[in-house]
N, C-alpha and C. Protein backbone atom coordinates (compact mmCIF):
# COMPACT_ATOMS: atom_id res chain seq x y z
N MET A 1 147.46 73.67 61.29
CA MET A 1 147.74 74.92 61.97
C MET A 1 149.18 75.33 61.66
N ALA A 2 149.31 76.54 61.19
CA ALA A 2 150.64 77.02 60.87
C ALA A 2 150.62 78.52 60.65
N LEU A 3 151.81 79.11 60.65
CA LEU A 3 151.93 80.51 60.32
C LEU A 3 152.06 80.63 58.81
N ASP A 4 151.27 81.50 58.24
CA ASP A 4 151.30 81.77 56.81
C ASP A 4 152.18 83.00 56.61
N GLU A 5 153.41 82.78 56.20
CA GLU A 5 154.38 83.87 56.07
C GLU A 5 154.03 84.83 54.95
N THR A 6 153.05 84.50 54.11
CA THR A 6 152.64 85.44 53.05
C THR A 6 151.71 86.52 53.60
N ARG A 7 151.21 86.32 54.79
CA ARG A 7 150.33 87.32 55.43
C ARG A 7 151.17 88.24 56.31
N PRO A 8 150.76 89.48 56.47
CA PRO A 8 151.54 90.42 57.29
C PRO A 8 151.33 90.17 58.78
N PHE A 9 152.37 90.43 59.56
CA PHE A 9 152.22 90.44 61.01
C PHE A 9 151.61 91.79 61.36
N ILE A 10 150.61 91.79 62.22
CA ILE A 10 149.97 93.02 62.67
C ILE A 10 150.12 93.09 64.19
N ALA A 11 150.91 94.04 64.65
CA ALA A 11 151.11 94.21 66.10
C ALA A 11 149.83 94.75 66.73
N VAL A 12 149.48 94.22 67.89
CA VAL A 12 148.31 94.71 68.62
C VAL A 12 148.79 95.35 69.92
N ASN A 13 147.97 96.24 70.45
CA ASN A 13 148.27 96.94 71.70
C ASN A 13 147.64 96.19 72.86
N ILE A 14 148.46 95.73 73.79
CA ILE A 14 148.01 94.87 74.88
C ILE A 14 148.25 95.54 76.22
N ALA A 15 147.21 95.56 77.06
CA ALA A 15 147.31 96.07 78.43
C ALA A 15 147.29 94.87 79.38
N ILE A 16 148.14 94.92 80.39
CA ILE A 16 148.24 93.83 81.37
C ILE A 16 147.83 94.36 82.74
N LEU A 17 146.89 93.66 83.35
CA LEU A 17 146.44 94.01 84.70
C LEU A 17 146.68 92.82 85.62
N THR A 18 147.53 93.00 86.61
CA THR A 18 147.74 91.97 87.61
C THR A 18 146.78 92.23 88.76
N VAL A 19 146.02 91.23 89.13
CA VAL A 19 145.06 91.35 90.22
C VAL A 19 145.66 90.65 91.44
N SER A 20 145.96 91.46 92.46
CA SER A 20 146.60 90.91 93.65
C SER A 20 146.51 91.90 94.80
N ASP A 21 146.31 91.38 95.99
CA ASP A 21 146.33 92.21 97.20
C ASP A 21 147.76 92.41 97.70
N THR A 22 148.70 91.63 97.20
CA THR A 22 150.04 91.65 97.77
C THR A 22 151.15 92.03 96.79
N ARG A 23 150.96 91.85 95.51
CA ARG A 23 152.04 92.11 94.55
C ARG A 23 152.18 93.60 94.25
N THR A 24 153.42 93.95 93.86
CA THR A 24 153.72 95.28 93.35
C THR A 24 154.40 95.10 92.00
N LEU A 25 154.59 96.19 91.26
CA LEU A 25 155.28 96.07 89.97
C LEU A 25 156.70 95.54 90.16
N ALA A 26 157.29 95.77 91.33
CA ALA A 26 158.66 95.31 91.60
C ALA A 26 158.75 93.79 91.76
N ASP A 27 157.67 93.14 92.20
CA ASP A 27 157.74 91.69 92.43
C ASP A 27 156.65 90.91 91.68
N ASP A 28 156.14 91.47 90.62
CA ASP A 28 155.08 90.84 89.84
C ASP A 28 155.67 89.95 88.75
N ARG A 29 156.06 88.75 89.12
CA ARG A 29 156.71 87.83 88.17
C ARG A 29 155.78 87.41 87.04
N SER A 30 154.50 87.20 87.33
CA SER A 30 153.56 86.80 86.27
C SER A 30 153.39 87.93 85.26
N GLY A 31 153.21 89.15 85.75
CA GLY A 31 153.09 90.29 84.86
C GLY A 31 154.35 90.51 84.04
N ASP A 32 155.51 90.30 84.69
CA ASP A 32 156.79 90.42 83.97
C ASP A 32 156.88 89.38 82.86
N ALA A 33 156.54 88.14 83.18
CA ALA A 33 156.62 87.06 82.19
C ALA A 33 155.70 87.35 81.00
N LEU A 34 154.51 87.84 81.29
CA LEU A 34 153.56 88.16 80.23
C LEU A 34 154.05 89.34 79.40
N GLY A 35 154.53 90.39 80.06
CA GLY A 35 155.05 91.55 79.33
C GLY A 35 156.21 91.19 78.42
N GLU A 36 157.11 90.33 78.91
CA GLU A 36 158.24 89.89 78.09
C GLU A 36 157.76 89.13 76.86
N ARG A 37 156.75 88.29 77.02
CA ARG A 37 156.22 87.52 75.90
C ARG A 37 155.52 88.41 74.88
N VAL A 38 154.77 89.38 75.38
CA VAL A 38 154.09 90.33 74.49
C VAL A 38 155.12 91.03 73.61
N ALA A 39 156.18 91.54 74.23
CA ALA A 39 157.21 92.27 73.47
C ALA A 39 157.95 91.34 72.51
N LYS A 40 158.30 90.15 72.97
CA LYS A 40 159.03 89.21 72.12
C LYS A 40 158.22 88.83 70.88
N ALA A 41 156.90 88.77 71.02
CA ALA A 41 156.04 88.42 69.88
C ALA A 41 155.89 89.58 68.91
N GLY A 42 156.35 90.79 69.30
CA GLY A 42 156.27 91.94 68.42
C GLY A 42 155.08 92.85 68.67
N HIS A 43 154.37 92.60 69.75
CA HIS A 43 153.22 93.44 70.09
C HIS A 43 153.68 94.60 70.97
N ARG A 44 152.78 95.54 71.21
CA ARG A 44 153.08 96.72 72.02
C ARG A 44 152.41 96.61 73.38
N LEU A 45 153.18 96.82 74.43
CA LEU A 45 152.61 96.87 75.78
C LEU A 45 152.03 98.27 75.96
N ALA A 46 150.70 98.37 75.87
CA ALA A 46 150.02 99.66 75.90
C ALA A 46 149.91 100.21 77.32
N ALA A 47 149.79 99.32 78.30
CA ALA A 47 149.65 99.74 79.69
C ALA A 47 149.88 98.54 80.59
N ARG A 48 150.25 98.84 81.81
CA ARG A 48 150.41 97.78 82.81
C ARG A 48 150.09 98.35 84.17
N ALA A 49 149.34 97.58 84.95
CA ALA A 49 148.95 98.05 86.28
C ALA A 49 148.70 96.88 87.20
N ILE A 50 148.59 97.20 88.49
CA ILE A 50 148.22 96.22 89.50
C ILE A 50 146.97 96.74 90.19
N GLU A 51 146.03 95.85 90.42
CA GLU A 51 144.78 96.22 91.07
C GLU A 51 144.48 95.22 92.17
N LYS A 52 143.92 95.69 93.25
CA LYS A 52 143.54 94.82 94.37
C LYS A 52 142.43 93.87 93.94
N ASP A 53 142.23 92.81 94.70
CA ASP A 53 141.15 91.84 94.46
C ASP A 53 139.83 92.48 94.88
N ASP A 54 139.35 93.40 94.08
CA ASP A 54 138.11 94.11 94.34
C ASP A 54 137.37 94.22 93.01
N ALA A 55 136.20 93.57 92.91
CA ALA A 55 135.49 93.50 91.63
C ALA A 55 135.19 94.87 91.05
N GLY A 56 134.78 95.82 91.88
CA GLY A 56 134.49 97.16 91.39
C GLY A 56 135.71 97.85 90.82
N ALA A 57 136.84 97.73 91.51
CA ALA A 57 138.08 98.35 91.03
C ALA A 57 138.56 97.69 89.74
N ILE A 58 138.47 96.37 89.68
CA ILE A 58 138.86 95.66 88.46
C ILE A 58 137.95 96.09 87.31
N GLU A 59 136.67 96.15 87.56
CA GLU A 59 135.72 96.58 86.52
C GLU A 59 136.06 97.97 86.00
N ARG A 60 136.36 98.91 86.89
CA ARG A 60 136.71 100.27 86.46
C ARG A 60 137.95 100.27 85.57
N HIS A 61 138.94 99.46 85.95
CA HIS A 61 140.16 99.36 85.14
C HIS A 61 139.83 98.79 83.77
N LEU A 62 139.05 97.71 83.75
CA LEU A 62 138.68 97.09 82.47
C LEU A 62 137.93 98.09 81.59
N ARG A 63 136.95 98.78 82.16
CA ARG A 63 136.16 99.74 81.37
C ARG A 63 137.03 100.87 80.81
N ALA A 64 137.99 101.33 81.59
CA ALA A 64 138.88 102.39 81.11
C ALA A 64 139.70 101.91 79.92
N TRP A 65 140.22 100.70 80.00
CA TRP A 65 141.02 100.18 78.90
C TRP A 65 140.16 99.80 77.70
N ILE A 66 138.95 99.33 77.93
CA ILE A 66 138.04 99.03 76.82
C ILE A 66 137.73 100.32 76.05
N ALA A 67 137.58 101.42 76.76
CA ALA A 67 137.26 102.71 76.14
C ALA A 67 138.48 103.34 75.46
N ASP A 68 139.65 102.90 75.79
CA ASP A 68 140.89 103.47 75.25
C ASP A 68 141.17 102.90 73.86
N ARG A 69 141.16 103.73 72.86
CA ARG A 69 141.39 103.27 71.48
C ARG A 69 142.80 102.74 71.27
N GLU A 70 143.69 103.00 72.21
CA GLU A 70 145.07 102.51 72.11
C GLU A 70 145.24 101.12 72.72
N VAL A 71 144.15 100.51 73.17
CA VAL A 71 144.20 99.16 73.76
C VAL A 71 143.31 98.23 72.93
N ASP A 72 143.92 97.19 72.37
CA ASP A 72 143.19 96.20 71.58
C ASP A 72 142.84 94.96 72.40
N VAL A 73 143.70 94.64 73.36
CA VAL A 73 143.57 93.42 74.15
C VAL A 73 143.92 93.74 75.60
N VAL A 74 143.13 93.21 76.52
CA VAL A 74 143.44 93.31 77.95
C VAL A 74 143.63 91.89 78.46
N ILE A 75 144.75 91.66 79.13
CA ILE A 75 145.01 90.36 79.74
C ILE A 75 145.21 90.60 81.23
N THR A 76 144.40 89.93 82.03
CA THR A 76 144.59 90.01 83.47
C THR A 76 145.24 88.72 83.96
N THR A 77 145.96 88.83 85.04
CA THR A 77 146.56 87.67 85.68
C THR A 77 146.23 87.74 87.16
N GLY A 78 145.61 86.69 87.67
CA GLY A 78 145.25 86.63 89.09
C GLY A 78 143.76 86.79 89.33
N GLY A 79 143.33 86.24 90.46
CA GLY A 79 141.95 86.40 90.88
C GLY A 79 140.95 85.50 90.19
N THR A 80 141.43 84.42 89.54
CA THR A 80 140.51 83.53 88.82
C THR A 80 140.21 82.24 89.57
N GLY A 81 140.68 82.13 90.79
CA GLY A 81 140.44 80.92 91.57
C GLY A 81 139.05 80.90 92.19
N ILE A 82 138.91 80.14 93.25
CA ILE A 82 137.58 79.96 93.86
C ILE A 82 137.50 80.44 95.31
N THR A 83 138.56 81.10 95.78
CA THR A 83 138.50 81.60 97.15
C THR A 83 137.66 82.87 97.22
N GLY A 84 137.38 83.31 98.40
CA GLY A 84 136.53 84.48 98.60
C GLY A 84 137.05 85.76 97.97
N ARG A 85 138.37 85.92 97.87
CA ARG A 85 138.96 87.13 97.31
C ARG A 85 139.11 87.05 95.79
N ASP A 86 138.89 85.90 95.19
CA ASP A 86 139.04 85.73 93.73
C ASP A 86 137.79 86.24 93.03
N VAL A 87 137.87 87.47 92.48
CA VAL A 87 136.68 88.10 91.90
C VAL A 87 136.88 88.60 90.48
N THR A 88 137.99 88.23 89.83
CA THR A 88 138.22 88.70 88.47
C THR A 88 137.12 88.25 87.51
N PRO A 89 136.68 86.98 87.52
CA PRO A 89 135.60 86.60 86.61
C PRO A 89 134.31 87.38 86.85
N GLU A 90 134.03 87.72 88.09
CA GLU A 90 132.83 88.50 88.38
C GLU A 90 132.94 89.90 87.77
N ALA A 91 134.13 90.50 87.84
CA ALA A 91 134.34 91.80 87.22
C ALA A 91 134.20 91.70 85.70
N PHE A 92 134.72 90.64 85.11
CA PHE A 92 134.60 90.42 83.67
C PHE A 92 133.13 90.31 83.27
N GLU A 93 132.35 89.59 84.06
CA GLU A 93 130.93 89.40 83.72
C GLU A 93 130.20 90.73 83.64
N ARG A 94 130.65 91.73 84.39
CA ARG A 94 130.01 93.05 84.38
C ARG A 94 130.29 93.83 83.11
N VAL A 95 131.35 93.46 82.38
CA VAL A 95 131.72 94.24 81.19
C VAL A 95 131.61 93.48 79.87
N LEU A 96 131.66 92.16 79.90
CA LEU A 96 131.69 91.40 78.65
C LEU A 96 130.39 91.53 77.86
N GLU A 97 130.54 91.68 76.56
CA GLU A 97 129.41 91.62 75.64
C GLU A 97 129.23 90.19 75.13
N LYS A 98 130.36 89.53 74.87
CA LYS A 98 130.35 88.14 74.41
C LYS A 98 131.49 87.40 75.09
N ARG A 99 131.20 86.18 75.47
CA ARG A 99 132.24 85.31 76.02
C ARG A 99 132.88 84.51 74.91
N ILE A 100 134.15 84.23 75.05
CA ILE A 100 134.85 83.30 74.15
C ILE A 100 135.01 82.01 74.96
N GLU A 101 133.97 81.20 74.93
CA GLU A 101 133.93 79.99 75.76
C GLU A 101 135.13 79.08 75.53
N GLY A 102 135.54 78.98 74.28
CA GLY A 102 136.63 78.08 73.94
C GLY A 102 137.95 78.42 74.60
N PHE A 103 138.16 79.69 74.96
CA PHE A 103 139.43 80.05 75.59
C PHE A 103 139.60 79.35 76.94
N GLY A 104 138.62 79.49 77.80
CA GLY A 104 138.71 78.85 79.12
C GLY A 104 138.77 77.34 79.01
N GLU A 105 137.98 76.80 78.09
CA GLU A 105 137.98 75.35 77.90
C GLU A 105 139.35 74.87 77.43
N LEU A 106 139.92 75.56 76.45
CA LEU A 106 141.22 75.17 75.92
C LEU A 106 142.31 75.35 76.97
N PHE A 107 142.25 76.46 77.71
CA PHE A 107 143.24 76.69 78.75
C PHE A 107 143.23 75.55 79.77
N ARG A 108 142.05 75.17 80.23
CA ARG A 108 141.96 74.09 81.23
C ARG A 108 142.39 72.74 80.64
N MET A 109 142.11 72.52 79.37
CA MET A 109 142.55 71.27 78.73
C MET A 109 144.08 71.21 78.71
N LEU A 110 144.70 72.29 78.29
CA LEU A 110 146.16 72.32 78.24
C LEU A 110 146.77 72.27 79.64
N SER A 111 146.15 72.97 80.57
CA SER A 111 146.62 73.00 81.95
C SER A 111 146.53 71.62 82.60
N TYR A 112 145.51 70.87 82.25
CA TYR A 112 145.32 69.53 82.80
C TYR A 112 146.55 68.65 82.52
N GLN A 113 147.15 68.84 81.36
CA GLN A 113 148.33 68.05 80.99
C GLN A 113 149.51 68.34 81.91
N LYS A 114 149.50 69.48 82.59
CA LYS A 114 150.62 69.87 83.44
C LYS A 114 150.33 69.77 84.92
N ILE A 115 149.09 70.11 85.32
CA ILE A 115 148.79 70.11 86.77
C ILE A 115 147.64 69.17 87.13
N GLY A 116 147.19 68.41 86.17
CA GLY A 116 146.15 67.42 86.45
C GLY A 116 144.83 68.05 86.85
N THR A 117 144.12 67.37 87.72
CA THR A 117 142.77 67.79 88.08
C THR A 117 142.73 69.13 88.82
N SER A 118 143.86 69.62 89.30
CA SER A 118 143.87 70.93 89.97
C SER A 118 143.40 72.04 89.04
N THR A 119 143.44 71.79 87.73
CA THR A 119 143.01 72.82 86.77
C THR A 119 141.53 73.16 86.92
N MET A 120 140.76 72.28 87.54
CA MET A 120 139.33 72.57 87.71
C MET A 120 139.10 73.79 88.61
N GLN A 121 140.12 74.18 89.37
CA GLN A 121 139.99 75.34 90.24
C GLN A 121 140.15 76.67 89.50
N SER A 122 140.54 76.61 88.23
CA SER A 122 140.75 77.82 87.44
C SER A 122 139.46 78.25 86.76
N ARG A 123 139.17 79.54 86.87
CA ARG A 123 138.03 80.11 86.17
C ARG A 123 138.53 81.05 85.07
N ALA A 124 139.63 80.66 84.42
CA ALA A 124 140.17 81.45 83.31
C ALA A 124 139.07 81.63 82.27
N LEU A 125 139.03 82.82 81.67
CA LEU A 125 138.00 83.06 80.67
C LEU A 125 138.43 84.13 79.68
N GLY A 126 137.72 84.19 78.57
CA GLY A 126 137.98 85.19 77.56
C GLY A 126 136.67 85.76 77.06
N GLY A 127 136.75 86.93 76.44
CA GLY A 127 135.56 87.55 75.89
C GLY A 127 135.88 88.81 75.12
N VAL A 128 134.81 89.50 74.74
CA VAL A 128 134.92 90.73 73.96
C VAL A 128 134.01 91.78 74.58
N ALA A 129 134.49 93.01 74.61
CA ALA A 129 133.67 94.15 75.05
C ALA A 129 134.18 95.40 74.34
N GLY A 130 133.29 96.14 73.75
CA GLY A 130 133.67 97.39 73.10
C GLY A 130 134.73 97.23 72.04
N GLY A 131 134.75 96.10 71.36
CA GLY A 131 135.75 95.86 70.33
C GLY A 131 137.12 95.49 70.87
N THR A 132 137.21 95.21 72.18
CA THR A 132 138.46 94.85 72.84
C THR A 132 138.37 93.41 73.31
N TYR A 133 139.42 92.65 73.06
CA TYR A 133 139.49 91.29 73.60
C TYR A 133 139.94 91.36 75.05
N LEU A 134 139.33 90.51 75.89
CA LEU A 134 139.71 90.42 77.30
C LEU A 134 139.96 88.96 77.66
N PHE A 135 141.06 88.72 78.37
CA PHE A 135 141.40 87.38 78.82
C PHE A 135 141.79 87.44 80.29
N ALA A 136 141.21 86.56 81.10
CA ALA A 136 141.53 86.46 82.52
C ALA A 136 142.31 85.18 82.74
N LEU A 137 143.54 85.32 83.20
CA LEU A 137 144.42 84.17 83.44
C LEU A 137 144.66 84.00 84.94
N PRO A 138 144.96 82.78 85.37
CA PRO A 138 145.38 82.59 86.75
C PRO A 138 146.66 83.39 87.02
N GLY A 139 146.96 83.58 88.29
CA GLY A 139 148.08 84.42 88.67
C GLY A 139 149.44 83.77 88.70
N SER A 140 149.51 82.47 88.53
CA SER A 140 150.82 81.82 88.57
C SER A 140 151.60 82.09 87.29
N THR A 141 152.92 82.17 87.43
CA THR A 141 153.77 82.38 86.26
C THR A 141 153.61 81.25 85.26
N GLY A 142 153.48 80.03 85.76
CA GLY A 142 153.29 78.88 84.87
C GLY A 142 152.02 78.99 84.05
N ALA A 143 150.94 79.41 84.68
CA ALA A 143 149.67 79.55 83.97
C ALA A 143 149.74 80.65 82.91
N VAL A 144 150.41 81.75 83.24
CA VAL A 144 150.57 82.84 82.29
C VAL A 144 151.37 82.36 81.07
N LYS A 145 152.46 81.65 81.34
CA LYS A 145 153.29 81.12 80.25
C LYS A 145 152.49 80.16 79.39
N ASP A 146 151.74 79.26 80.02
CA ASP A 146 150.94 78.29 79.27
C ASP A 146 149.91 78.99 78.39
N ALA A 147 149.19 79.95 78.95
CA ALA A 147 148.14 80.64 78.19
C ALA A 147 148.74 81.40 77.01
N TRP A 148 149.85 82.09 77.25
CA TRP A 148 150.46 82.85 76.15
C TRP A 148 151.10 81.91 75.13
N ASP A 149 151.99 81.02 75.60
CA ASP A 149 152.79 80.19 74.70
C ASP A 149 151.96 79.18 73.91
N ASP A 150 150.85 78.72 74.49
CA ASP A 150 150.09 77.66 73.84
C ASP A 150 148.80 78.14 73.18
N ILE A 151 148.36 79.38 73.47
CA ILE A 151 147.09 79.86 72.89
C ILE A 151 147.24 81.26 72.32
N LEU A 152 147.50 82.22 73.18
CA LEU A 152 147.40 83.62 72.77
C LEU A 152 148.43 84.05 71.74
N VAL A 153 149.66 83.55 71.83
CA VAL A 153 150.66 83.94 70.85
C VAL A 153 150.20 83.60 69.42
N PHE A 154 149.44 82.54 69.27
CA PHE A 154 148.94 82.15 67.95
C PHE A 154 147.69 82.95 67.57
N GLN A 155 146.75 83.02 68.49
CA GLN A 155 145.49 83.70 68.17
C GLN A 155 145.65 85.21 68.02
N LEU A 156 146.72 85.78 68.55
CA LEU A 156 146.98 87.21 68.37
C LEU A 156 148.00 87.46 67.28
N ASP A 157 148.11 86.54 66.35
CA ASP A 157 149.00 86.67 65.20
C ASP A 157 148.19 86.52 63.92
N ASN A 158 148.13 87.58 63.14
CA ASN A 158 147.35 87.61 61.90
C ASN A 158 147.78 86.54 60.91
N ARG A 159 148.98 86.02 61.06
CA ARG A 159 149.48 85.01 60.13
C ARG A 159 149.02 83.60 60.48
N PHE A 160 148.47 83.41 61.66
CA PHE A 160 148.07 82.07 62.10
C PHE A 160 146.86 81.60 61.30
N ARG A 161 146.95 80.42 60.74
CA ARG A 161 145.88 79.85 59.94
C ARG A 161 145.42 78.55 60.57
N PRO A 162 144.17 78.17 60.52
CA PRO A 162 143.20 78.65 59.54
C PRO A 162 142.50 79.95 59.92
N CYS A 163 142.54 80.36 61.17
CA CYS A 163 141.91 81.63 61.55
C CYS A 163 142.53 82.12 62.85
N ASN A 164 142.31 83.40 63.14
CA ASN A 164 142.89 84.01 64.34
C ASN A 164 142.02 85.17 64.79
N LEU A 165 142.27 85.65 65.98
CA LEU A 165 141.47 86.74 66.54
C LEU A 165 141.79 88.09 65.91
N VAL A 166 143.01 88.28 65.44
CA VAL A 166 143.39 89.58 64.88
C VAL A 166 142.58 89.88 63.62
N GLU A 167 142.39 88.89 62.76
CA GLU A 167 141.65 89.14 61.52
C GLU A 167 140.18 89.45 61.79
N LEU A 168 139.69 89.13 62.97
CA LEU A 168 138.30 89.44 63.33
C LEU A 168 138.14 90.82 63.96
N MET A 169 139.23 91.44 64.35
CA MET A 169 139.14 92.72 65.07
C MET A 169 138.32 93.78 64.34
N PRO A 170 138.46 93.95 63.03
CA PRO A 170 137.65 94.98 62.35
C PRO A 170 136.14 94.70 62.41
N ARG A 171 135.76 93.48 62.71
CA ARG A 171 134.35 93.11 62.71
C ARG A 171 133.73 93.02 64.10
N LEU A 172 134.49 93.27 65.15
CA LEU A 172 133.99 93.07 66.51
C LEU A 172 132.84 94.00 66.87
N GLN A 173 132.77 95.14 66.21
CA GLN A 173 131.69 96.08 66.53
C GLN A 173 130.74 96.30 65.37
N GLU A 174 130.69 95.34 64.44
CA GLU A 174 129.81 95.51 63.29
C GLU A 174 128.34 95.54 63.69
N HIS A 175 127.99 95.03 64.85
CA HIS A 175 126.60 95.09 65.31
C HIS A 175 126.17 96.52 65.62
N LEU A 176 127.13 97.43 65.73
CA LEU A 176 126.80 98.84 66.01
C LEU A 176 126.59 99.65 64.73
N ARG A 177 126.99 99.07 63.59
CA ARG A 177 126.82 99.77 62.31
C ARG A 177 125.41 99.56 61.79
N PRO A 178 124.85 100.57 61.12
CA PRO A 178 123.51 100.39 60.54
C PRO A 178 123.54 99.31 59.46
N ALA A 179 122.48 98.57 59.37
CA ALA A 179 122.38 97.52 58.35
C ALA A 179 122.27 98.16 56.98
N ALA A 180 122.89 97.57 55.99
CA ALA A 180 122.82 98.05 54.61
C ALA A 180 121.40 97.81 54.08
N GLU A 181 120.92 98.79 53.35
CA GLU A 181 119.55 98.64 52.82
C GLU A 181 119.57 98.15 51.41
């Protein structure tokens, strides 16, 4: 695994949604940490918002960004736990066309090294809908840093080898194209 400097860096447009009943943009440390990392990596912050822990509201936000051609990736932070108000994965299930099973598995594997068995409480997940990548992260600043620094910064870089998510972007909606005769 390495960056292939002979390949071009391709900036992607990333929207960040913090899911919380209590946070505001003024005190959203997880969203701030993620936004800083997105910019430092050379990507564009396409949008940022906060949404209450309400599956319908989260779903509407996701659908709007999926439909927006200026958004390539949506990353949510918060609402992935197991309490009654944690409904981000349920909202994702309403919009996902395909799950990226390995994202949640890898996140929990890496998280286990830092927080031990408590990682089993995370329902972090990834997927694709409408040609847009979606990732649901826990709401802690540490979890956001771990997901970005150890997974997403590489997979959202066209130079990362042997493969990455950016190079697959043109093919995410090939199932909608007519088959060649």
